[in-house]
Amino acid sequence: MPPRWYVAPVAQDTQAARATPTLRAARLATLTVLTCLATAFSAAPARADLHDDAERLVRLWSLASDVDLAAGAAPRVRRLQPVFMEQNRPTLVRLPPAGAPDTRAASAPPASDASPAPSPASPAHRCATLVFLAPRTADFTVETEILPENDEILEQLLRQVRRGPPEHRSRSVAGAVRIERCDEDRDRLRFAVLQTESARSTVEVILAESVSPPGPLEGVFPERVFGPVAPSGDPGRPTEPGPLTERVQRAMRRGRTEGAARVTLTETVAAIDGTGEVALRLSEGCHRLEIMADIPPILPRRATDIDADVREVAPPGGSPRLIDRDRGEAADALLLACVGESTAVEIPFAGAAGPVRVIVSDASFPVPKGVPVHLGARARAGFAAALMRWNVPAPDAPPVHEATGVSGETMIPLAVEPGRCYFAAVSMARGESRVLRPSIEIEGRVLRDDAVRSDSAGVTFCATTDDRAVARILAVGASTWWALSVWRVR
């Protein structure tokens, strides 16, 4: 019986086998060149990066629809300055007002010959469509309305009741977010705050002004459309944080190792629903507060996930001011509270697994000697918080530059020494800030920090050849008054 599979003998090219080494090398080089050319030409049409996606969106949305033609106003589509997102750091995007000139296109050459020049602004442009475009794997949110603190608390309660996302916050789908505002809502589209839950990423920002909203993104990016998504699986219960005594001892050792002047403990008992409140009086300085709850011995039991706030005690007739907040996924809450004078605070918490012991560890650090006093206790606290948050060595000398300002954008020239590094900190001294963004322009670079609903922010920069820098402070809020201090960094 013949075999099922037949393998023919391989014919040997005796002429190739007798070829000289020089001829074999020439054939190999020719084959390599042909392979590289074939790879380059076959890969060129498929090379579509984020820049190409943004150009494609601008090109297609610039085509006038029937509604635009009837109104006699072509769509005005333009790319704004790209932004760079980092995990756990909000990124602020300032949007141009309706009808503002395209400063980015005027200061830079067009990115592509195929990209049309933006059409002029028209009163018929009643709608604005904002698109944030990132790689398809990016996962981020866009917040278009920065609410005051009290409104934010109310919205969190409403979200728990409605079981839905906030109306002013949008989550990306396949790396893209689209926001539309028409008529009177268009003028309120002034800022956007981006927060990413994935790794760092670049985001292209495209703004389209038209008579009616343009077509859907799915028609422009069919490759970003996916089918039904399976429900996410249940990862199970969070891991237990361990015995309370061991966690408290670790917190105390950590504070002493990092140079805390003292570490104190305060104990309380949570309510049956896992909530509670601790009242403390904090001395002048920065306090790292860790709120830790015990694990009940009974089974089954709720998972321990402490969320907490630290607030100044409200004065008579006033409202409490938020200092810091923890809404993380860790079992224990970690707060940083810097105060410029002895201050009474309240720490409400939730997330304990029933009526268990709750211990608050307070590791206090003194305010650095170089932080000025004459700008007030609140500014002094904000400077100390910025220095500690950015792990800047404590300055012993006073600042080399100081300035104060109010709401809006302020430009401040700075004299610097080549070969030195500096830290610029901005702190609120009065009022309530919703956005605080310091930026430093030096040697063709722009460095900035975005603080949303925070009292302080900071930027580290170095001068290599220039002896001049420019600081720009953007503050948005109610009755805001801020202070700027710049120190040399050792």
Protein backbone atom coordinates (compact mmCIF):
# COMPACT_ATOMS: atom_id res chain seq x y z
CA MET A 1 0.00 0.00 0.00
CA PRO A 2 1.54 3.30 -1.04
CA PRO A 3 2.10 5.89 1.71
CA ARG A 4 -0.59 8.56 2.31
CA TRP A 5 1.80 11.48 1.95
CA TYR A 6 4.50 11.72 -0.69
CA VAL A 7 7.48 14.02 -0.28
CA ALA A 8 9.35 14.82 -3.47
CA PRO A 9 13.11 15.05 -3.29
CA VAL A 10 14.49 18.56 -3.24
CA ALA A 11 16.31 19.50 -6.42
CA GLN A 12 19.66 21.13 -5.73
CA ASP A 13 20.79 24.09 -7.82
CA THR A 14 24.28 22.92 -8.60
CA GLN A 15 25.07 26.13 -10.46
CA ALA A 16 24.16 28.21 -7.40
CA ALA A 17 26.14 25.87 -5.23
CA ARG A 18 29.22 26.43 -7.43
CA ALA A 19 28.77 30.25 -7.42
CA THR A 20 31.62 32.27 -6.09
CA PRO A 21 31.31 34.00 -2.69
CA THR A 22 31.32 37.42 -4.43
CA LEU A 23 28.34 36.45 -6.60
CA ARG A 24 26.45 35.08 -3.61
CA ALA A 25 27.04 38.34 -1.70
CA ALA A 26 25.79 40.41 -4.64
CA ARG A 27 22.63 38.31 -4.89
CA LEU A 28 22.02 38.68 -1.15
CA ALA A 29 22.46 42.46 -1.31
CA THR A 30 20.04 42.73 -4.24
CA LEU A 31 17.45 40.63 -2.41
CA THR A 32 17.81 42.78 0.72
CA VAL A 33 17.26 46.02 -1.22
CA LEU A 34 14.19 44.64 -2.99
CA THR A 35 12.74 43.44 0.32
CA CYS A 36 13.21 46.87 1.95
CA LEU A 37 11.61 48.66 -1.01
CA ALA A 38 8.64 46.31 -1.01
CA THR A 39 8.16 46.78 2.71
CA ALA A 40 8.35 50.57 2.46
CA PHE A 41 5.88 50.85 -0.41
CA SER A 42 3.42 48.39 1.08
CA ALA A 43 3.52 50.05 4.52
CA ALA A 44 3.12 53.65 3.33
CA PRO A 45 -0.67 53.58 2.77
CA ALA A 46 -1.26 51.89 6.13
CA ARG A 47 0.85 54.35 8.16
CA ALA A 48 -1.90 56.27 9.98
CA ASP A 49 -0.86 57.89 13.24
CA LEU A 50 -2.58 60.40 15.48
CA HIS A 51 -1.42 63.34 13.37
CA ASP A 52 -2.97 61.79 10.26
CA ASP A 53 -6.25 61.16 12.08
CA ALA A 54 -6.47 64.81 13.12
CA GLU A 55 -5.70 65.97 9.57
CA ARG A 56 -8.35 63.65 8.17
CA LEU A 57 -10.98 64.96 10.59
CA VAL A 58 -10.19 68.59 9.73
CA ARG A 59 -10.28 67.85 6.00
CA LEU A 60 -13.63 66.00 6.02
CA TRP A 61 -15.42 68.27 8.48
CA SER A 62 -14.37 71.32 6.45
CA LEU A 63 -16.69 70.19 3.64
CA ALA A 64 -19.88 72.27 3.71
CA SER A 65 -23.18 70.46 4.25
CA ASP A 66 -26.53 71.44 2.74
CA VAL A 67 -27.38 73.40 5.87
CA ASP A 68 -24.09 75.31 5.68
CA LEU A 69 -24.60 76.09 1.99
CA ALA A 70 -28.13 77.35 2.66
CA ALA A 71 -26.82 79.66 5.39
CA GLY A 72 -23.90 80.81 3.25
CA ALA A 73 -21.28 80.00 5.92
CA ALA A 74 -18.65 77.31 5.43
CA PRO A 75 -17.62 75.30 8.50
CA ARG A 76 -14.59 76.58 10.40
CA VAL A 77 -12.51 73.61 11.52
CA ARG A 78 -9.07 74.04 13.13
CA ARG A 79 -6.58 72.12 15.19
CA LEU A 80 -5.72 73.62 18.54
CA GLN A 81 -2.48 73.10 20.41
CA PRO A 82 -2.03 69.39 21.31
CA VAL A 83 -1.84 68.51 25.00
CA PHE A 84 0.04 65.83 26.91
CA MET A 85 -1.71 63.82 29.62
CA GLU A 86 -0.11 62.06 32.55
CA GLN A 87 -1.77 59.57 34.85
CA ASN A 88 -3.30 60.98 38.06
CA ARG A 89 -2.64 64.57 36.95
CA PRO A 90 -5.43 66.76 35.55
CA THR A 91 -4.57 68.63 32.36
CA LEU A 92 -6.27 71.95 31.66
CA VAL A 93 -7.17 73.02 28.11
CA ARG A 94 -8.14 76.64 27.56
CA LEU A 95 -10.54 76.98 24.62
CA PRO A 96 -10.75 80.05 22.39
CA PRO A 97 -13.96 82.11 22.51
CA ALA A 98 -16.42 82.09 19.65
CA GLY A 99 -15.01 83.81 16.57
CA ALA A 100 -11.45 84.08 17.92
CA PRO A 101 -8.67 84.11 15.28
CA ASP A 102 -6.65 80.96 14.66
CA THR A 103 -3.41 81.95 16.40
CA ARG A 104 -1.91 78.48 16.04
CA ALA A 105 -2.30 78.47 12.28
CA ALA A 106 -0.89 82.00 12.05
CA SER A 107 2.24 81.19 14.01
CA ALA A 108 3.09 77.84 12.40
CA PRO A 109 3.14 76.53 8.84
CA PRO A 110 0.35 74.18 7.79
CA ALA A 111 0.96 70.60 8.85
CA SER A 112 -0.12 69.16 5.52
CA ASP A 113 -0.78 70.45 2.03
CA ALA A 114 -4.05 68.55 2.04
CA SER A 115 -5.34 70.41 5.11
CA PRO A 116 -7.57 73.33 4.13
CA ALA A 117 -7.09 76.72 5.73
CA PRO A 118 -9.75 77.46 8.39
CA SER A 119 -12.70 79.45 7.10
CA PRO A 120 -13.30 82.88 8.61
CA ALA A 121 -15.62 83.21 11.58
CA SER A 122 -19.27 83.84 10.79
CA PRO A 123 -22.23 84.94 12.94
CA ALA A 124 -24.12 81.99 11.45
CA HIS A 125 -21.81 79.58 13.29
CA ARG A 126 -24.18 78.76 16.13
CA CYS A 127 -22.66 75.40 17.10
CA ALA A 128 -19.23 74.39 18.35
CA THR A 129 -18.04 70.78 18.26
CA LEU A 130 -14.96 69.90 20.27
CA VAL A 131 -13.09 66.65 19.66
CA PHE A 132 -10.30 65.22 21.81
CA LEU A 133 -8.43 62.58 19.82
CA ALA A 134 -5.93 60.21 21.43
CA PRO A 135 -4.60 56.74 20.55
CA ARG A 136 -7.33 54.12 20.50
CA THR A 137 -6.02 52.46 23.66
CA ALA A 138 -6.18 55.68 25.72
CA ASP A 139 -8.83 55.85 28.45
CA PHE A 140 -9.56 59.37 29.70
CA THR A 141 -12.34 61.71 30.79
CA VAL A 142 -13.11 65.29 29.78
CA GLU A 143 -14.76 67.71 32.20
CA THR A 144 -16.13 70.82 30.50
CA GLU A 145 -17.53 72.58 33.54
CA ILE A 146 -15.40 73.10 36.64
CA LEU A 147 -17.93 73.22 39.44
CA PRO A 148 -17.44 75.00 42.77
CA GLU A 149 -16.76 72.73 45.69
CA ASN A 150 -20.29 72.81 47.12
CA ASP A 151 -21.82 72.03 43.71
CA GLU A 152 -19.37 69.17 43.26
CA ILE A 153 -20.47 67.59 46.55
CA LEU A 154 -24.12 67.93 45.57
CA GLU A 155 -23.45 66.35 42.19
CA GLN A 156 -21.73 63.38 43.79
CA LEU A 157 -24.83 62.76 45.90
CA LEU A 158 -27.09 63.06 42.86
CA ARG A 159 -24.90 60.67 40.92
CA GLN A 160 -25.24 58.08 43.68
CA VAL A 161 -29.03 58.43 43.49
CA ARG A 162 -29.26 58.42 39.67
CA ARG A 163 -26.52 55.79 39.18
CA GLY A 164 -25.22 57.69 36.17
CA PRO A 165 -22.19 59.73 35.15
CA PRO A 166 -22.08 63.50 35.70
CA GLU A 167 -23.63 65.51 32.90
CA HIS A 168 -20.55 67.71 32.43
CA ARG A 169 -18.08 64.81 32.28
CA SER A 170 -17.51 62.61 29.21
CA ARG A 171 -15.52 59.39 28.93
CA SER A 172 -13.53 58.46 25.85
CA VAL A 173 -14.62 55.69 23.50
CA ALA A 174 -11.85 54.17 21.37
CA GLY A 175 -9.63 57.12 22.31
CA ALA A 176 -12.03 59.89 21.24
CA VAL A 177 -14.40 62.31 22.98
CA ARG A 178 -16.88 64.55 21.15
CA ILE A 179 -18.61 67.51 22.84
CA GLU A 180 -21.26 69.70 21.20
CA ARG A 181 -22.54 73.08 22.37
CA CYS A 182 -24.98 75.29 20.45
CA ASP A 183 -26.45 78.78 20.90
CA GLU A 184 -26.03 80.19 24.41
CA ASP A 185 -24.25 77.03 25.63
CA ARG A 186 -21.44 77.77 23.15
CA ASP A 187 -20.20 80.77 25.15
CA ARG A 188 -19.90 78.65 28.30
CA LEU A 189 -17.44 76.28 26.63
CA ARG A 190 -14.26 77.94 27.92
CA PHE A 191 -12.23 75.26 29.71
CA ALA A 192 -11.80 71.51 29.64
CA VAL A 193 -10.03 69.32 32.19
CA LEU A 194 -8.59 66.02 30.96
CA GLN A 195 -7.74 63.13 33.26
CA THR A 196 -6.33 59.85 32.00
CA GLU A 197 -6.62 56.47 33.69
CA SER A 198 -4.16 54.84 31.30
CA ALA A 199 -0.52 55.65 30.67
CA ARG A 200 0.62 59.06 29.49
CA SER A 201 -0.65 60.08 26.10
CA THR A 202 -0.76 62.91 23.56
CA VAL A 203 -4.17 64.34 22.69
CA GLU A 204 -5.07 66.25 19.53
CA VAL A 205 -7.72 68.96 20.04
CA ILE A 206 -9.98 69.86 17.10
CA LEU A 207 -12.57 72.65 17.25
CA ALA A 208 -15.30 72.90 14.59
CA GLU A 209 -17.65 75.90 14.35
CA SER A 210 -20.58 75.44 12.00
CA VAL A 211 -24.25 76.18 11.43
CA SER A 212 -25.21 72.67 12.55
CA PRO A 213 -23.17 69.91 14.21
CA PRO A 214 -21.02 67.91 11.77
CA GLY A 215 -21.42 64.22 11.06
CA PRO A 216 -20.57 61.46 13.53
CA LEU A 217 -17.00 60.44 14.23
CA GLU A 218 -17.80 56.90 13.12
CA GLY A 219 -18.03 58.11 9.54
CA VAL A 220 -14.55 59.62 9.71
CA PHE A 221 -12.84 56.88 11.72
CA PRO A 222 -14.45 53.54 10.85
CA GLU A 223 -11.40 51.79 12.28
CA ARG A 224 -12.31 53.12 15.73
CA VAL A 225 -15.77 51.54 15.63
CA PHE A 226 -16.12 48.25 17.42
CA GLY A 227 -18.97 45.85 17.96
CA PRO A 228 -20.78 44.92 21.15
CA VAL A 229 -18.57 44.98 24.21
CA ALA A 230 -18.81 42.15 26.66
CA PRO A 231 -19.56 43.20 30.24
CA SER A 232 -16.47 43.58 32.35
CA GLY A 233 -15.78 40.68 34.64
CA ASP A 234 -15.86 40.80 38.40
CA PRO A 235 -12.29 41.00 39.72
CA GLY A 236 -13.48 39.83 43.12
CA ARG A 237 -13.12 41.37 46.54
CA PRO A 238 -10.25 43.76 47.27
CA THR A 239 -7.35 42.27 49.16
CA GLU A 240 -7.44 42.69 52.92
CA PRO A 241 -5.08 45.45 54.13
CA GLY A 242 -3.81 43.41 57.06
CA PRO A 243 -4.00 43.89 60.84
CA LEU A 244 -4.60 47.46 61.99
CA THR A 245 -1.72 47.38 64.48
CA GLU A 246 0.85 46.57 61.81
CA ARG A 247 -0.44 49.29 59.47
CA VAL A 248 -0.27 51.88 62.24
CA GLN A 249 3.29 50.89 63.09
CA ARG A 250 4.32 51.18 59.44
CA ALA A 251 2.77 54.65 59.21
CA MET A 252 4.67 55.78 62.30
CA ARG A 253 7.98 54.38 61.03
CA ARG A 254 7.45 56.01 57.65
CA GLY A 255 6.84 59.40 59.24
CA ARG A 256 9.96 59.23 61.41
CA THR A 257 12.09 58.02 58.49
CA GLU A 258 11.00 60.97 56.33
CA GLY A 259 11.86 63.50 59.02
CA ALA A 260 8.53 64.21 60.71
CA ALA A 261 8.81 66.35 63.82
CA ARG A 262 6.28 64.12 65.58
CA VAL A 263 3.69 61.44 64.85
CA THR A 264 0.46 61.36 66.85
CA LEU A 265 -2.46 58.92 66.81
CA THR A 266 -6.16 59.65 67.26
CA GLU A 267 -8.69 56.84 67.68
CA THR A 268 -12.44 56.72 67.10
CA VAL A 269 -15.15 54.17 66.25
CA ALA A 270 -17.06 54.18 62.98
CA ALA A 271 -20.83 54.02 62.81
CA ILE A 272 -22.64 50.87 61.74
CA ASP A 273 -22.64 52.09 58.13
CA GLY A 274 -18.86 52.62 58.18
CA THR A 275 -18.93 56.42 58.35
CA GLY A 276 -17.60 58.82 60.96
CA GLU A 277 -15.77 62.06 61.63
CA VAL A 278 -12.63 63.05 63.52
CA ALA A 279 -11.95 66.57 64.80
CA LEU A 280 -8.31 67.68 65.14
CA ARG A 281 -6.36 70.86 65.74
CA LEU A 282 -3.36 71.00 63.45
CA SER A 283 -0.28 73.00 64.35
CA GLU A 284 1.52 75.16 61.79
CA GLY A 285 3.15 73.01 59.13
CA CYS A 286 2.31 70.14 56.79
CA HIS A 287 0.48 67.11 58.12
CA ARG A 288 0.32 63.74 56.41
CA LEU A 289 -2.88 62.15 57.65
CA GLU A 290 -3.51 58.42 57.22
CA ILE A 291 -6.97 57.10 58.10
CA MET A 292 -6.94 53.35 58.80
CA ALA A 293 -9.85 51.11 59.82
CA ASP A 294 -9.81 47.75 61.57
CA ILE A 295 -10.97 44.55 59.89
CA PRO A 296 -13.91 42.91 61.70
CA PRO A 297 -13.42 39.22 62.57
CA ILE A 298 -16.88 38.16 61.33
CA LEU A 299 -17.71 36.62 57.95
CA PRO A 300 -19.07 37.70 55.56
CA ARG A 301 -17.90 41.31 55.91
CA ARG A 302 -17.77 44.37 53.74
CA ALA A 303 -14.56 45.36 52.01
CA THR A 304 -12.54 48.13 53.66
CA ASP A 305 -12.01 51.16 51.40
CA ILE A 306 -11.67 54.41 53.34
CA ASP A 307 -12.48 57.66 51.53
CA ALA A 308 -11.97 60.88 53.47
CA ASP A 309 -11.78 64.68 53.31
CA VAL A 310 -9.97 67.18 55.52
CA ARG A 311 -11.66 70.57 55.89
CA GLU A 312 -11.16 73.68 57.92
CA VAL A 313 -13.85 74.19 60.53
CA ALA A 314 -16.31 76.72 59.13
CA PRO A 315 -16.27 80.15 60.76
CA PRO A 316 -19.59 81.54 62.05
CA GLY A 317 -21.80 82.19 59.04
CA GLY A 318 -19.27 80.70 56.61
CA SER A 319 -18.70 77.37 54.89
CA PRO A 320 -15.89 74.87 55.47
CA ARG A 321 -12.93 75.03 53.07
CA LEU A 322 -11.68 71.79 51.57
CA ILE A 323 -7.93 71.21 52.05
CA ASP A 324 -7.50 67.73 50.55
CA ARG A 325 -9.53 64.73 49.48
CA ASP A 326 -8.90 61.00 48.96
CA ARG A 327 -11.15 59.01 46.64
CA GLY A 328 -8.65 56.30 45.73
CA GLU A 329 -9.03 52.53 45.63
CA ALA A 330 -6.60 51.82 48.48
CA ALA A 331 -7.92 50.47 51.75
CA ASP A 332 -6.51 53.40 53.76
CA ALA A 333 -6.99 57.09 53.01
CA LEU A 334 -4.00 59.43 52.66
CA LEU A 335 -4.41 63.21 53.00
CA LEU A 336 -1.97 66.14 52.95
CA ALA A 337 -3.00 69.18 54.97
CA CYS A 338 -0.68 72.19 55.18
CA VAL A 339 -1.72 75.10 57.42
CA GLY A 340 0.01 78.41 58.04
CA GLU A 341 -1.22 78.69 61.61
CA SER A 342 -2.91 76.56 64.25
CA THR A 343 -6.14 75.41 62.59
CA ALA A 344 -9.12 73.31 63.66
CA VAL A 345 -10.09 70.74 61.02
CA GLU A 346 -12.70 68.06 60.51
CA ILE A 347 -12.03 64.72 58.80
CA PRO A 348 -15.24 63.01 57.64
CA PHE A 349 -14.70 59.47 56.35
CA ALA A 350 -16.63 56.54 54.91
CA GLY A 351 -15.86 52.99 53.81
CA ALA A 352 -15.15 51.15 57.04
CA ALA A 353 -16.49 47.60 57.31
CA GLY A 354 -18.95 48.40 60.09
CA PRO A 355 -18.60 49.72 63.65
CA VAL A 356 -14.85 49.15 63.94
CA ARG A 357 -11.88 51.04 65.31
CA VAL A 358 -10.52 53.82 63.12
CA ILE A 359 -7.10 55.37 63.78
CA VAL A 360 -5.82 58.62 62.28
CA SER A 361 -2.03 58.91 62.07
CA ASP A 362 -0.76 62.51 61.92
CA ALA A 363 2.87 62.96 60.83
CA SER A 364 3.67 66.68 61.05
CA PHE A 365 6.49 68.43 59.17
CA PRO A 366 7.60 72.03 59.83
CA VAL A 367 7.23 74.78 57.23
CA PRO A 368 10.61 75.41 55.52
CA LYS A 369 12.48 78.50 56.71
CA GLY A 370 12.51 80.07 53.26
CA VAL A 371 8.70 80.26 52.97
CA PRO A 372 7.62 83.91 53.43
CA VAL A 373 5.34 84.95 56.29
CA HIS A 374 4.22 88.41 55.14
CA LEU A 375 1.88 87.04 52.45
CA GLY A 376 -0.47 85.49 54.99
CA ALA A 377 -1.12 82.12 56.60
CA ARG A 378 -3.01 80.66 53.64
CA ALA A 379 -0.32 81.55 51.11
CA ARG A 380 2.33 80.20 53.48
CA ALA A 381 0.43 76.90 53.72
CA GLY A 382 0.05 76.67 49.95
CA PHE A 383 3.76 77.23 49.35
CA ALA A 384 4.62 74.52 51.86
CA ALA A 385 2.17 72.11 50.21
CA ALA A 386 3.63 72.73 46.74
CA LEU A 387 7.19 72.17 47.99
CA MET A 388 6.22 68.94 49.72
CA ARG A 389 4.06 67.62 46.88
CA TRP A 390 6.85 68.14 44.34
CA ASN A 391 9.57 66.79 46.69
CA VAL A 392 11.59 69.99 46.38
CA PRO A 393 14.43 70.39 48.92
CA ALA A 394 13.30 72.72 51.69
CA PRO A 395 14.60 76.23 50.89
CA ASP A 396 16.56 77.98 53.65
CA ALA A 397 16.80 81.34 51.86
CA PRO A 398 13.87 83.64 51.01
CA PRO A 399 12.45 83.66 47.47
CA VAL A 400 14.37 85.49 44.74
CA HIS A 401 11.10 86.63 43.12
CA GLU A 402 7.70 87.46 44.60
CA ALA A 403 4.49 88.70 43.00
CA THR A 404 0.75 88.84 43.64
CA GLY A 405 -2.24 88.88 41.32
CA VAL A 406 -5.97 88.38 40.89
CA SER A 407 -8.32 86.46 38.58
CA GLY A 408 -7.43 86.16 34.92
CA GLU A 409 -4.08 85.66 33.23
CA THR A 410 -1.03 87.58 34.44
CA MET A 411 2.42 87.72 32.81
CA ILE A 412 5.46 88.26 35.04
CA PRO A 413 9.05 88.64 33.70
CA LEU A 414 11.72 86.84 35.74
CA ALA A 415 15.47 87.40 35.88
CA VAL A 416 17.37 84.10 36.18
CA GLU A 417 21.00 82.98 36.26
CA PRO A 418 22.28 80.59 33.57
CA GLY A 419 23.26 77.26 35.05
CA ARG A 420 20.76 77.43 37.94
CA CYS A 421 17.46 75.67 38.60
CA TYR A 422 14.39 77.22 40.22
CA PHE A 423 11.05 76.25 41.71
CA ALA A 424 8.08 78.57 41.19
CA ALA A 425 5.09 78.05 43.50
CA VAL A 426 1.70 79.75 43.26
CA SER A 427 -0.67 79.72 46.22
CA MET A 428 -4.11 81.09 46.86
CA ALA A 429 -4.13 83.83 49.48
CA ARG A 430 -7.82 84.71 49.37
CA GLY A 431 -10.99 83.56 47.62
CA GLU A 432 -11.89 80.26 45.99
CA SER A 433 -10.02 79.00 42.95
CA ARG A 434 -11.45 76.56 40.43
CA VAL A 435 -8.40 76.63 38.14
CA LEU A 436 -4.84 77.61 39.03
CA ARG A 437 -2.22 77.14 36.32
CA PRO A 438 1.32 78.52 36.50
CA SER A 439 3.50 78.18 33.40
CA ILE A 440 7.13 79.14 32.79
CA GLU A 441 8.43 80.07 29.33
CA ILE A 442 12.20 79.80 28.99
CA GLU A 443 14.55 79.01 26.10
CA GLY A 444 11.71 78.02 23.79
CA ARG A 445 10.17 75.63 26.30
CA VAL A 446 6.92 75.91 28.25
CA LEU A 447 6.56 74.10 31.57
CA ARG A 448 3.33 74.23 33.54
CA ASP A 449 1.26 72.68 36.29
CA ASP A 450 -2.53 72.44 36.27
CA ALA A 451 -4.31 72.60 39.63
CA VAL A 452 -8.08 72.07 39.55
CA ARG A 453 -9.93 72.97 42.75
CA SER A 454 -6.60 73.19 44.56
CA ASP A 455 -4.93 75.94 46.56
CA SER A 456 -1.40 75.62 45.16
CA ALA A 457 0.67 74.53 42.17
CA GLY A 458 4.36 74.51 41.28
CA VAL A 459 6.80 74.32 38.36
CA THR A 460 10.48 73.38 38.38
CA PHE A 461 12.65 74.85 35.61
CA CYS A 462 16.33 75.35 34.77
CA ALA A 463 18.17 78.06 32.84
CA THR A 464 21.07 76.91 30.68
CA THR A 465 21.93 79.96 28.54
CA ASP A 466 19.14 82.55 28.91
CA ASP A 467 18.98 85.06 31.75
CA ARG A 468 15.28 85.82 31.27
CA ALA A 469 12.09 83.81 31.76
CA VAL A 470 8.40 84.62 31.68
CA ALA A 471 5.85 83.36 34.21
CA ARG A 472 2.19 83.24 33.24
CA ILE A 473 -0.38 82.69 35.98
CA LEU A 474 -3.94 81.73 35.05
CA ALA A 475 -6.45 81.89 37.92
CA VAL A 476 -10.18 81.25 37.55
CA GLY A 477 -12.53 81.54 40.49
CA ALA A 478 -14.47 83.84 42.76
CA SER A 479 -12.64 86.81 44.33
CA THR A 480 -9.29 85.10 43.87
CA TRP A 481 -6.04 86.63 45.05
CA TRP A 482 -2.86 84.61 44.59
CA ALA A 483 0.83 84.92 45.46
CA LEU A 484 3.91 83.74 43.55
CA SER A 485 7.29 82.83 45.04
CA VAL A 486 10.37 81.60 43.17
CA TRP A 487 13.29 79.90 44.95
CA ARG A 488 16.65 78.70 43.78
CA VAL A 489 16.91 74.92 43.97
CA ARG A 490 20.09 73.49 45.43
